[in-house]
Amino acid sequence: MSKLTSDITLTVGLDENKVPETLHWTAQDGGITNAEAKAMMLSVWDSKQQESLRIDLWTKDMPVDEMKVFFHQTLVAMSDTFQRATQDEKMSATMKDFCDYFAEKLELKK
């Protein structure tokens, strides 16, 4: 029996100083083909080393105000994922409280 696989491809266009100028991603199973992005965060868990490995990239034309919204939405999503993965309602609520505080301090909520 063959195993099913699904590929997600990230393409980073660099300038002469190796600073990201463009980001594109493809996830065929999700119906995404060469979609443009301005920033990305990727975390993978190394079980042997018991540590998180990360790739954080953003294009040099990513506006700071959009980066703040991107971080807020990422923190909210991480809170949701933490709750689904651990069923820890108390810590999830604490994380959500921080997300609200973050948005308030950055004046993201209108």
PDB file of N, CA and C in Angstrom:
ATOM      1  N   MET A   1       0.846  -1.173   0.000  1.00  0.00           N
ATOM      2  CA  MET A   1       0.000   0.000   0.000  1.00  0.00           C
ATOM      3  C   MET A   1       0.902   1.250   0.000  1.00  0.00           C
ATOM      4  N   SER A   2       0.621   2.175  -0.894  1.00  0.00           N
ATOM      5  CA  SER A   2       1.419   3.400  -0.958  1.00  0.00           C
ATOM      6  C   SER A   2       0.865   4.432   0.013  1.00  0.00           C
ATOM      7  N   LYS A   3       1.748   5.264   0.512  1.00  0.00           N
ATOM      8  CA  LYS A   3       1.339   6.328   1.434  1.00  0.00           C
ATOM      9  C   LYS A   3       1.003   7.576   0.644  1.00  0.00           C
ATOM     10  N   LEU A   4      -0.037   8.249   1.062  1.00  0.00           N
ATOM     11  CA  LEU A   4      -0.401   9.519   0.453  1.00  0.00           C
ATOM     12  C   LEU A   4       0.539  10.602   0.965  1.00  0.00           C
ATOM     13  N   THR A   5       0.843  11.538   0.108  1.00  0.00           N
ATOM     14  CA  THR A   5       1.637  12.696   0.532  1.00  0.00           C
ATOM     15  C   THR A   5       0.968  13.959   0.005  1.00  0.00           C
ATOM     16  N   SER A   6       1.312  15.055   0.635  1.00  0.00           N
ATOM     17  CA  SER A   6       0.827  16.356   0.212  1.00  0.00           C
ATOM     18  C   SER A   6       1.984  17.329   0.354  1.00  0.00           C
ATOM     19  N   ASP A   7       2.306  18.043  -0.706  1.00  0.00           N
ATOM     20  CA  ASP A   7       3.435  18.965  -0.680  1.00  0.00           C
ATOM     21  C   ASP A   7       2.964  20.401  -0.527  1.00  0.00           C
ATOM     22  N   ILE A   8       3.714  21.141   0.267  1.00  0.00           N
ATOM     23  CA  ILE A   8       3.543  22.580   0.393  1.00  0.00           C
ATOM     24  C   ILE A   8       4.884  23.183  -0.006  1.00  0.00           C
ATOM     25  N   THR A   9       4.863  24.077  -0.990  1.00  0.00           N
ATOM     26  CA  THR A   9       6.090  24.656  -1.521  1.00  0.00           C
ATOM     27  C   THR A   9       6.150  26.140  -1.218  1.00  0.00           C
ATOM     28  N   LEU A  10       7.303  26.581  -0.728  1.00  0.00           N
ATOM     29  CA  LEU A  10       7.552  28.004  -0.474  1.00  0.00           C
ATOM     30  C   LEU A  10       8.669  28.451  -1.398  1.00  0.00           C
ATOM     31  N   THR A  11       8.468  29.570  -2.085  1.00  0.00           N
ATOM     32  CA  THR A  11       9.488  30.120  -2.972  1.00  0.00           C
ATOM     33  C   THR A  11       9.808  31.531  -2.506  1.00  0.00           C
ATOM     34  N   VAL A  12      11.087  31.765  -2.214  1.00  0.00           N
ATOM     35  CA  VAL A  12      11.531  33.057  -1.704  1.00  0.00           C
ATOM     36  C   VAL A  12      12.421  33.716  -2.745  1.00  0.00           C
ATOM     37  N   GLY A  13      11.988  34.865  -3.249  1.00  0.00           N
ATOM     38  CA  GLY A  13      12.802  35.648  -4.179  1.00  0.00           C
ATOM     39  C   GLY A  13      13.688  36.596  -3.376  1.00  0.00           C
ATOM     40  N   LEU A  14      14.991  36.555  -3.621  1.00  0.00           N
ATOM     41  CA  LEU A  14      15.952  37.338  -2.844  1.00  0.00           C
ATOM     42  C   LEU A  14      16.577  38.448  -3.673  1.00  0.00           C
ATOM     43  N   ASP A  15      16.965  39.533  -2.993  1.00  0.00           N
ATOM     44  CA  ASP A  15      17.727  40.569  -3.682  1.00  0.00           C
ATOM     45  C   ASP A  15      19.215  40.204  -3.625  1.00  0.00           C
ATOM     46  N   GLU A  16      20.069  41.113  -4.100  1.00  0.00           N
ATOM     47  CA  GLU A  16      21.504  40.817  -4.168  1.00  0.00           C
ATOM     48  C   GLU A  16      22.136  40.607  -2.784  1.00  0.00           C
ATOM     49  N   ASN A  17      21.469  41.090  -1.735  1.00  0.00           N
ATOM     50  CA  ASN A  17      21.963  40.908  -0.364  1.00  0.00           C
ATOM     51  C   ASN A  17      21.271  39.758   0.363  1.00  0.00           C
ATOM     52  N   LYS A  18      20.532  38.952  -0.397  1.00  0.00           N
ATOM     53  CA  LYS A  18      19.804  37.801   0.123  1.00  0.00           C
ATOM     54  C   LYS A  18      18.700  38.196   1.106  1.00  0.00           C
ATOM     55  N   VAL A  19      18.124  39.369   0.886  1.00  0.00           N
ATOM     56  CA  VAL A  19      16.973  39.832   1.656  1.00  0.00           C
ATOM     57  C   VAL A  19      15.718  39.471   0.852  1.00  0.00           C
ATOM     58  N   PRO A  20      14.714  38.860   1.499  1.00  0.00           N
ATOM     59  CA  PRO A  20      13.510  38.473   0.756  1.00  0.00           C
ATOM     60  C   PRO A  20      12.803  39.663   0.101  1.00  0.00           C
ATOM     61  N   GLU A  21      12.554  39.527  -1.193  1.00  0.00           N
ATOM     62  CA  GLU A  21      11.785  40.522  -1.947  1.00  0.00           C
ATOM     63  C   GLU A  21      10.383  40.006  -2.252  1.00  0.00           C
ATOM     64  N   THR A  22      10.286  38.704  -2.501  1.00  0.00           N
ATOM     65  CA  THR A  22       8.990  38.098  -2.799  1.00  0.00           C
ATOM     66  C   THR A  22       8.861  36.771  -2.068  1.00  0.00           C
ATOM     67  N   LEU A  23       7.625  36.434  -1.717  1.00  0.00           N
ATOM     68  CA  LEU A  23       7.292  35.136  -1.128  1.00  0.00           C
ATOM     69  C   LEU A  23       6.087  34.598  -1.882  1.00  0.00           C
ATOM     70  N   HIS A  24       6.169  33.363  -2.309  1.00  0.00           N
ATOM     71  CA  HIS A  24       5.038  32.687  -2.950  1.00  0.00           C
ATOM     72  C   HIS A  24       4.921  31.291  -2.359  1.00  0.00           C
ATOM     73  N   TRP A  25       3.696  30.793  -2.294  1.00  0.00           N
ATOM     74  CA  TRP A  25       3.500  29.448  -1.766  1.00  0.00           C
ATOM     75  C   TRP A  25       2.454  28.702  -2.567  1.00  0.00           C
ATOM     76  N   THR A  26       2.608  27.398  -2.575  1.00  0.00           N
ATOM     77  CA  THR A  26       1.708  26.507  -3.294  1.00  0.00           C
ATOM     78  C   THR A  26       1.319  25.360  -2.376  1.00  0.00           C
ATOM     79  N   ALA A  27       0.034  25.075  -2.302  1.00  0.00           N
ATOM     80  CA  ALA A  27      -0.500  23.926  -1.571  1.00  0.00           C
ATOM     81  C   ALA A  27      -1.620  23.363  -2.443  1.00  0.00           C
ATOM     82  N   GLN A  28      -1.249  22.496  -3.367  1.00  0.00           N
ATOM     83  CA  GLN A  28      -2.202  21.979  -4.349  1.00  0.00           C
ATOM     84  C   GLN A  28      -3.466  21.411  -3.705  1.00  0.00           C
ATOM     85  N   ASP A  29      -3.306  20.653  -2.606  1.00  0.00           N
ATOM     86  CA  ASP A  29      -4.470  20.047  -1.956  1.00  0.00           C
ATOM     87  C   ASP A  29      -5.414  21.099  -1.378  1.00  0.00           C
ATOM     88  N   GLY A  30      -4.884  22.287  -1.105  1.00  0.00           N
ATOM     89  CA  GLY A  30      -5.709  23.371  -0.585  1.00  0.00           C
ATOM     90  C   GLY A  30      -6.183  24.321  -1.667  1.00  0.00           C
ATOM     91  N   GLY A  31      -5.836  24.008  -2.915  1.00  0.00           N
ATOM     92  CA  GLY A  31      -6.256  24.851  -4.023  1.00  0.00           C
ATOM     93  C   GLY A  31      -5.449  26.133  -4.154  1.00  0.00           C
ATOM     94  N   ILE A  32      -4.258  26.170  -3.571  1.00  0.00           N
ATOM     95  CA  ILE A  32      -3.397  27.349  -3.627  1.00  0.00           C
ATOM     96  C   ILE A  32      -2.274  27.096  -4.616  1.00  0.00           C
ATOM     97  N   THR A  33      -2.128  27.977  -5.591  1.00  0.00           N
ATOM     98  CA  THR A  33      -1.055  27.848  -6.577  1.00  0.00           C
ATOM     99  C   THR A  33      -0.304  29.159  -6.698  1.00  0.00           C
ATOM    100  N   ASN A  34       0.948  29.146  -6.279  1.00  0.00           N
ATOM    101  CA  ASN A  34       1.850  30.291  -6.427  1.00  0.00           C
ATOM    102  C   ASN A  34       1.238  31.591  -5.890  1.00  0.00           C
ATOM    103  N   ALA A  35       0.608  31.504  -4.718  1.00  0.00           N
ATOM    104  CA  ALA A  35      -0.026  32.681  -4.112  1.00  0.00           C
ATOM    105  C   ALA A  35       1.046  33.566  -3.475  1.00  0.00           C
ATOM    106  N   GLU A  36       0.864  34.873  -3.622  1.00  0.00           N
ATOM    107  CA  GLU A  36       1.816  35.828  -3.051  1.00  0.00           C
ATOM    108  C   GLU A  36       1.549  36.004  -1.564  1.00  0.00           C
ATOM    109  N   ALA A  37       2.613  36.188  -0.801  1.00  0.00           N
ATOM    110  CA  ALA A  37       2.526  36.503   0.620  1.00  0.00           C
ATOM    111  C   ALA A  37       3.583  37.551   0.931  1.00  0.00           C
ATOM    112  N   LYS A  38       3.404  38.294   1.994  1.00  0.00           N
ATOM    113  CA  LYS A  38       4.381  39.303   2.416  1.00  0.00           C
ATOM    114  C   LYS A  38       5.178  38.832   3.625  1.00  0.00           C
ATOM    115  N   ALA A  39       4.670  37.819   4.348  1.00  0.00           N
ATOM    116  CA  ALA A  39       5.365  37.313   5.527  1.00  0.00           C
ATOM    117  C   ALA A  39       4.947  35.873   5.773  1.00  0.00           C
ATOM    118  N   MET A  40       5.815  35.141   6.484  1.00  0.00           N
ATOM    119  CA  MET A  40       5.499  33.765   6.856  1.00  0.00           C
ATOM    120  C   MET A  40       6.230  33.395   8.131  1.00  0.00           C
ATOM    121  N   MET A  41       5.640  32.500   8.895  1.00  0.00           N
ATOM    122  CA  MET A  41       6.263  31.921  10.071  1.00  0.00           C
ATOM    123  C   MET A  41       6.037  30.425   9.986  1.00  0.00           C
ATOM    124  N   LEU A  42       7.119  29.681  10.076  1.00  0.00           N
ATOM    125  CA  LEU A  42       7.029  28.225  10.019  1.00  0.00           C
ATOM    126  C   LEU A  42       7.747  27.662  11.232  1.00  0.00           C
ATOM    127  N   SER A  43       7.074  26.818  11.990  1.00  0.00           N
ATOM    128  CA  SER A  43       7.679  26.144  13.134  1.00  0.00           C
ATOM    129  C   SER A  43       7.558  24.650  12.927  1.00  0.00           C
ATOM    130  N   VAL A  44       8.635  23.948  13.199  1.00  0.00           N
ATOM    131  CA  VAL A  44       8.613  22.490  13.178  1.00  0.00           C
ATOM    132  C   VAL A  44       9.207  21.987  14.489  1.00  0.00           C
ATOM    133  N   TRP A  45       8.730  20.852  14.973  1.00  0.00           N
ATOM    134  CA  TRP A  45       9.183  20.289  16.233  1.00  0.00           C
ATOM    135  C   TRP A  45      10.208  19.194  15.968  1.00  0.00           C
ATOM    136  N   ASP A  46      11.392  19.351  16.514  1.00  0.00           N
ATOM    137  CA  ASP A  46      12.446  18.342  16.451  1.00  0.00           C
ATOM    138  C   ASP A  46      12.328  17.497  17.716  1.00  0.00           C
ATOM    139  N   SER A  47      11.726  16.339  17.571  1.00  0.00           N
ATOM    140  CA  SER A  47      11.460  15.480  18.717  1.00  0.00           C
ATOM    141  C   SER A  47      12.752  14.961  19.353  1.00  0.00           C
ATOM    142  N   LYS A  48      13.749  14.686  18.547  1.00  0.00           N
ATOM    143  CA  LYS A  48      15.024  14.180  19.088  1.00  0.00           C
ATOM    144  C   LYS A  48      15.716  15.231  19.952  1.00  0.00           C
ATOM    145  N   GLN A  49      15.768  16.462  19.465  1.00  0.00           N
ATOM    146  CA  GLN A  49      16.425  17.543  20.203  1.00  0.00           C
ATOM    147  C   GLN A  49      15.489  18.226  21.207  1.00  0.00           C
ATOM    148  N   GLN A  50      14.182  17.891  21.113  1.00  0.00           N
ATOM    149  CA  GLN A  50      13.174  18.507  21.977  1.00  0.00           C
ATOM    150  C   GLN A  50      13.211  20.031  21.861  1.00  0.00           C
ATOM    151  N   GLU A  51      13.180  20.491  20.596  1.00  0.00           N
ATOM    152  CA  GLU A  51      13.183  21.937  20.392  1.00  0.00           C
ATOM    153  C   GLU A  51      12.423  22.306  19.131  1.00  0.00           C
ATOM    154  N   SER A  52      11.948  23.531  19.154  1.00  0.00           N
ATOM    155  CA  SER A  52      11.241  24.080  18.016  1.00  0.00           C
ATOM    156  C   SER A  52      12.253  24.726  17.068  1.00  0.00           C
ATOM    157  N   LEU A  53      12.092  24.459  15.782  1.00  0.00           N
ATOM    158  CA  LEU A  53      12.926  25.077  14.754  1.00  0.00           C
ATOM    159  C   LEU A  53      12.026  26.005  13.953  1.00  0.00           C
ATOM    160  N   ARG A  54      12.535  27.184  13.619  1.00  0.00           N
ATOM    161  CA  ARG A  54      11.676  28.192  13.011  1.00  0.00           C
ATOM    162  C   ARG A  54      12.305  28.822  11.788  1.00  0.00           C
ATOM    163  N   ILE A  55      11.428  29.213  10.886  1.00  0.00           N
ATOM    164  CA  ILE A  55      11.795  30.071   9.764  1.00  0.00           C
ATOM    165  C   ILE A  55      10.792  31.220   9.774  1.00  0.00           C
ATOM    166  N   ASP A  56      11.282  32.426   9.988  1.00  0.00           N
ATOM    167  CA  ASP A  56      10.450  33.625   9.953  1.00  0.00           C
ATOM    168  C   ASP A  56      10.984  34.513   8.845  1.00  0.00           C
ATOM    169  N   LEU A  57      10.146  34.802   7.867  1.00  0.00           N
ATOM    170  CA  LEU A  57      10.561  35.640   6.750  1.00  0.00           C
ATOM    171  C   LEU A  57       9.495  36.682   6.446  1.00  0.00           C
ATOM    172  N   TRP A  58       9.946  37.838   6.016  1.00  0.00           N
ATOM    173  CA  TRP A  58       9.025  38.853   5.511  1.00  0.00           C
ATOM    174  C   TRP A  58       9.743  39.632   4.430  1.00  0.00           C
ATOM    175  N   THR A  59       8.964  40.103   3.480  1.00  0.00           N
ATOM    176  CA  THR A  59       9.552  40.858   2.382  1.00  0.00           C
ATOM    177  C   THR A  59       9.928  42.247   2.868  1.00  0.00           C
ATOM    178  N   LYS A  60      10.906  42.846   2.180  1.00  0.00           N
ATOM    179  CA  LYS A  60      11.383  44.155   2.629  1.00  0.00           C
ATOM    180  C   LYS A  60      10.341  45.254   2.458  1.00  0.00           C
ATOM    181  N   ASP A  61       9.285  44.973   1.688  1.00  0.00           N
ATOM    182  CA  ASP A  61       8.227  45.978   1.552  1.00  0.00           C
ATOM    183  C   ASP A  61       6.999  45.675   2.417  1.00  0.00           C
ATOM    184  N   MET A  62       7.142  44.755   3.380  1.00  0.00           N
ATOM    185  CA  MET A  62       6.045  44.456   4.306  1.00  0.00           C
ATOM    186  C   MET A  62       5.853  45.654   5.226  1.00  0.00           C
ATOM    187  N   PRO A  63       4.680  46.295   5.187  1.00  0.00           N
ATOM    188  CA  PRO A  63       4.436  47.456   6.045  1.00  0.00           C
ATOM    189  C   PRO A  63       4.376  47.056   7.530  1.00  0.00           C
ATOM    190  N   VAL A  64       4.919  47.907   8.383  1.00  0.00           N
ATOM    191  CA  VAL A  64       4.947  47.632   9.820  1.00  0.00           C
ATOM    192  C   VAL A  64       3.538  47.470  10.380  1.00  0.00           C
ATOM    193  N   ASP A  65       2.585  48.285   9.930  1.00  0.00           N
ATOM    194  CA  ASP A  65       1.220  48.156  10.451  1.00  0.00           C
ATOM    195  C   ASP A  65       0.622  46.796  10.087  1.00  0.00           C
ATOM    196  N   GLU A  66       0.926  46.281   8.906  1.00  0.00           N
ATOM    197  CA  GLU A  66       0.455  44.948   8.525  1.00  0.00           C
ATOM    198  C   GLU A  66       1.178  43.872   9.334  1.00  0.00           C
ATOM    199  N   MET A  67       2.457  44.082   9.648  1.00  0.00           N
ATOM    200  CA  MET A  67       3.208  43.115  10.464  1.00  0.00           C
ATOM    201  C   MET A  67       2.579  42.996  11.849  1.00  0.00           C
ATOM    202  N   LYS A  68       2.131  44.104  12.406  1.00  0.00           N
ATOM    203  CA  LYS A  68       1.485  44.075  13.721  1.00  0.00           C
ATOM    204  C   LYS A  68       0.198  43.257  13.675  1.00  0.00           C
ATOM    205  N   VAL A  69      -0.593  43.446  12.631  1.00  0.00           N
ATOM    206  CA  VAL A  69      -1.835  42.675  12.473  1.00  0.00           C
ATOM    207  C   VAL A  69      -1.504  41.193  12.248  1.00  0.00           C
ATOM    208  N   PHE A  70      -0.488  40.922  11.438  1.00  0.00           N
ATOM    209  CA  PHE A  70      -0.045  39.549  11.171  1.00  0.00           C
ATOM    210  C   PHE A  70       0.345  38.859  12.481  1.00  0.00           C
ATOM    211  N   PHE A  71       1.117  39.535  13.324  1.00  0.00           N
ATOM    212  CA  PHE A  71       1.505  38.958  14.608  1.00  0.00           C
ATOM    213  C   PHE A  71       0.282  38.706  15.478  1.00  0.00           C
ATOM    214  N   HIS A  72      -0.627  39.665  15.550  1.00  0.00           N
ATOM    215  CA  HIS A  72      -1.817  39.482  16.368  1.00  0.00           C
ATOM    216  C   HIS A  72      -2.620  38.272  15.901  1.00  0.00           C
ATOM    217  N   GLN A  73      -2.870  38.190  14.606  1.00  0.00           N
ATOM    218  CA  GLN A  73      -3.653  37.071  14.085  1.00  0.00           C
ATOM    219  C   GLN A  73      -2.935  35.738  14.309  1.00  0.00           C
ATOM    220  N   THR A  74      -1.603  35.749  14.220  1.00  0.00           N
ATOM    221  CA  THR A  74      -0.825  34.529  14.466  1.00  0.00           C
ATOM    222  C   THR A  74      -0.924  34.115  15.926  1.00  0.00           C
ATOM    223  N   LEU A  75      -0.845  35.079  16.836  1.00  0.00           N
ATOM    224  CA  LEU A  75      -0.980  34.766  18.265  1.00  0.00           C
ATOM    225  C   LEU A  75      -2.359  34.205  18.583  1.00  0.00           C
ATOM    226  N   VAL A  76      -3.404  34.781  17.993  1.00  0.00           N
ATOM    227  CA  VAL A  76      -4.765  34.268  18.197  1.00  0.00           C
ATOM    228  C   VAL A  76      -4.872  32.835  17.668  1.00  0.00           C
ATOM    229  N   ALA A  77      -4.328  32.603  16.483  1.00  0.00           N
ATOM    230  CA  ALA A  77      -4.367  31.257  15.900  1.00  0.00           C
ATOM    231  C   ALA A  77      -3.590  30.263  16.763  1.00  0.00           C
ATOM    232  N   MET A  78      -2.456  30.691  17.303  1.00  0.00           N
ATOM    233  CA  MET A  78      -1.680  29.814  18.183  1.00  0.00           C
ATOM    234  C   MET A  78      -2.472  29.481  19.448  1.00  0.00           C
ATOM    235  N   SER A  79      -3.210  30.444  19.971  1.00  0.00           N
ATOM    236  CA  SER A  79      -4.057  30.200  21.144  1.00  0.00           C
ATOM    237  C   SER A  79      -5.119  29.151  20.821  1.00  0.00           C
ATOM    238  N   ASP A  80      -5.755  29.289  19.663  1.00  0.00           N
ATOM    239  CA  ASP A  80      -6.777  28.322  19.235  1.00  0.00           C
ATOM    240  C   ASP A  80      -6.169  26.926  19.062  1.00  0.00           C
ATOM    241  N   THR A  81      -5.004  26.878  18.423  1.00  0.00           N
ATOM    242  CA  THR A  81      -4.340  25.592  18.194  1.00  0.00           C
ATOM    243  C   THR A  81      -3.924  24.958  19.511  1.00  0.00           C
ATOM    244  N   PHE A  82      -3.403  25.770  20.432  1.00  0.00           N
ATOM    245  CA  PHE A  82      -3.010  25.260  21.748  1.00  0.00           C
ATOM    246  C   PHE A  82      -4.205  24.622  22.450  1.00  0.00           C
ATOM    247  N   GLN A  83      -5.353  25.284  22.382  1.00  0.00           N
ATOM    248  CA  GLN A  83      -6.560  24.745  23.023  1.00  0.00           C
ATOM    249  C   GLN A  83      -6.975  23.424  22.396  1.00  0.00           C
ATOM    250  N   ARG A  84      -6.982  23.359  21.064  1.00  0.00           N
ATOM    251  CA  ARG A  84      -7.364  22.116  20.377  1.00  0.00           C
ATOM    252  C   ARG A  84      -6.381  20.990  20.671  1.00  0.00           C
ATOM    253  N   ALA A  85      -5.081  21.318  20.752  1.00  0.00           N
ATOM    254  CA  ALA A  85      -4.048  20.295  20.933  1.00  0.00           C
ATOM    255  C   ALA A  85      -3.949  19.791  22.372  1.00  0.00           C
ATOM    256  N   THR A  86      -4.238  20.673  23.347  1.00  0.00           N
ATOM    257  CA  THR A  86      -4.011  20.305  24.748  1.00  0.00           C
ATOM    258  C   THR A  86      -5.285  20.207  25.576  1.00  0.00           C
ATOM    259  N   GLN A  87      -6.377  20.778  25.096  1.00  0.00           N
ATOM    260  CA  GLN A  87      -7.633  20.868  25.861  1.00  0.00           C
ATOM    261  C   GLN A  87      -7.454  21.654  27.160  1.00  0.00           C
ATOM    262  N   ASP A  88      -6.406  22.481  27.249  1.00  0.00           N
ATOM    263  CA  ASP A  88      -6.141  23.279  28.445  1.00  0.00           C
ATOM    264  C   ASP A  88      -6.890  24.606  28.330  1.00  0.00           C
ATOM    265  N   GLU A  89      -8.126  24.595  28.839  1.00  0.00           N
ATOM    266  CA  GLU A  89      -9.005  25.761  28.725  1.00  0.00           C
ATOM    267  C   GLU A  89      -8.454  26.972  29.482  1.00  0.00           C
ATOM    268  N   LYS A  90      -7.894  26.741  30.656  1.00  0.00           N
ATOM    269  CA  LYS A  90      -7.420  27.844  31.493  1.00  0.00           C
ATOM    270  C   LYS A  90      -6.266  28.593  30.824  1.00  0.00           C
ATOM    271  N   MET A  91      -5.267  27.863  30.344  1.00  0.00           N
ATOM    272  CA  MET A  91      -4.133  28.522  29.695  1.00  0.00           C
ATOM    273  C   MET A  91      -4.555  29.136  28.363  1.00  0.00           C
ATOM    274  N   SER A  92      -5.462  28.496  27.648  1.00  0.00           N
ATOM    275  CA  SER A  92      -5.963  29.062  26.396  1.00  0.00           C
ATOM    276  C   SER A  92      -6.630  30.406  26.649  1.00  0.00           C
ATOM    277  N   ALA A  93      -7.401  30.487  27.717  1.00  0.00           N
ATOM    278  CA  ALA A  93      -8.063  31.745  28.070  1.00  0.00           C
ATOM    279  C   ALA A  93      -7.025  32.809  28.432  1.00  0.00           C
ATOM    280  N   THR A  94      -5.980  32.409  29.137  1.00  0.00           N
ATOM    281  CA  THR A  94      -4.906  33.341  29.487  1.00  0.00           C
ATOM    282  C   THR A  94      -4.209  33.845  28.229  1.00  0.00           C
ATOM    283  N   MET A  95      -3.984  32.952  27.292  1.00  0.00           N
ATOM    284  CA  MET A  95      -3.357  33.346  26.031  1.00  0.00           C
ATOM    285  C   MET A  95      -4.259  34.318  25.268  1.00  0.00           C
ATOM    286  N   LYS A  96      -5.556  34.051  25.254  1.00  0.00           N
ATOM    287  CA  LYS A  96      -6.503  34.950  24.581  1.00  0.00           C
ATOM    288  C   LYS A  96      -6.512  36.325  25.239  1.00  0.00           C
ATOM    289  N   ASP A  97      -6.409  36.341  26.585  1.00  0.00           N
ATOM    290  CA  ASP A  97      -6.332  37.621  27.297  1.00  0.00           C
ATOM    291  C   ASP A  97      -5.110  38.410  26.833  1.00  0.00           C
ATOM    292  N   PHE A  98      -3.976  37.718  26.674  1.00  0.00           N
ATOM    293  CA  PHE A  98      -2.783  38.404  26.185  1.00  0.00           C
ATOM    294  C   PHE A  98      -3.007  38.933  24.770  1.00  0.00           C
ATOM    295  N   CYS A  99      -3.658  38.147  23.926  1.00  0.00           N
ATOM    296  CA  CYS A  99      -3.937  38.591  22.555  1.00  0.00           C
ATOM    297  C   CYS A  99      -4.769  39.869  22.564  1.00  0.00           C
ATOM    298  N   ASP A 100      -5.756  39.926  23.452  1.00  0.00           N
ATOM    299  CA  ASP A 100      -6.579  41.133  23.572  1.00  0.00           C
ATOM    300  C   ASP A 100      -5.738  42.315  24.037  1.00  0.00           C
ATOM    301  N   TYR A 101      -4.860  42.073  25.009  1.00  0.00           N
ATOM    302  CA  TYR A 101      -3.959  43.112  25.518  1.00  0.00           C
ATOM    303  C   TYR A 101      -3.036  43.608  24.409  1.00  0.00           C
ATOM    304  N   PHE A 102      -2.473  42.675  23.652  1.00  0.00           N
ATOM    305  CA  PHE A 102      -1.583  42.985  22.529  1.00  0.00           C
ATOM    306  C   PHE A 102      -2.297  43.896  21.527  1.00  0.00           C
ATOM    307  N   ALA A 103      -3.514  43.511  21.156  1.00  0.00           N
ATOM    308  CA  ALA A 103      -4.297  44.292  20.184  1.00  0.00           C
ATOM    309  C   ALA A 103      -4.638  45.673  20.742  1.00  0.00           C
ATOM    310  N   GLU A 104      -4.959  45.722  22.021  1.00  0.00           N
ATOM    311  CA  GLU A 104      -5.300  47.009  22.640  1.00  0.00           C
ATOM    312  C   GLU A 104      -4.086  47.931  22.664  1.00  0.00           C
ATOM    313  N   LYS A 105      -2.934  47.427  23.085  1.00  0.00           N
ATOM    314  CA  LYS A 105      -1.727  48.252  23.181  1.00  0.00           C
ATOM    315  C   LYS A 105      -1.258  48.736  21.812  1.00  0.00           C
ATOM    316  N   LEU A 106      -1.461  47.936  20.778  1.00  0.00           N
ATOM    317  CA  LEU A 106      -1.068  48.329  19.428  1.00  0.00           C
ATOM    318  C   LEU A 106      -2.202  49.053  18.687  1.00  0.00           C
ATOM    319  N   GLU A 107      -3.326  49.234  19.398  1.00  0.00           N
ATOM    320  CA  GLU A 107      -4.502  49.906  18.834  1.00  0.00           C
ATOM    321  C   GLU A 107      -4.955  49.253  17.521  1.00  0.00           C
ATOM    322  N   LEU A 108      -5.038  47.919  17.560  1.00  0.00           N
ATOM    323  CA  LEU A 108      -5.465  47.164  16.377  1.00  0.00           C
ATOM    324  C   LEU A 108      -6.977  47.032  16.304  1.00  0.00           C
ATOM    325  N   LYS A 109      -7.635  47.094  17.445  1.00  0.00           N
ATOM    326  CA  LYS A 109      -9.099  46.954  17.471  1.00  0.00           C
ATOM    327  C   LYS A 109      -9.728  48.314  17.316  1.00  0.00           C
ATOM    328  N   LYS A 110     -10.601  48.400  16.367  1.00  0.00           N
ATOM    329  CA  LYS A 110     -11.242  49.687  16.087  1.00  0.00           C
ATOM    330  C   LYS A 110     -12.557  49.789  16.819  1.00  0.00           C
TER     331      LYS A 110
END
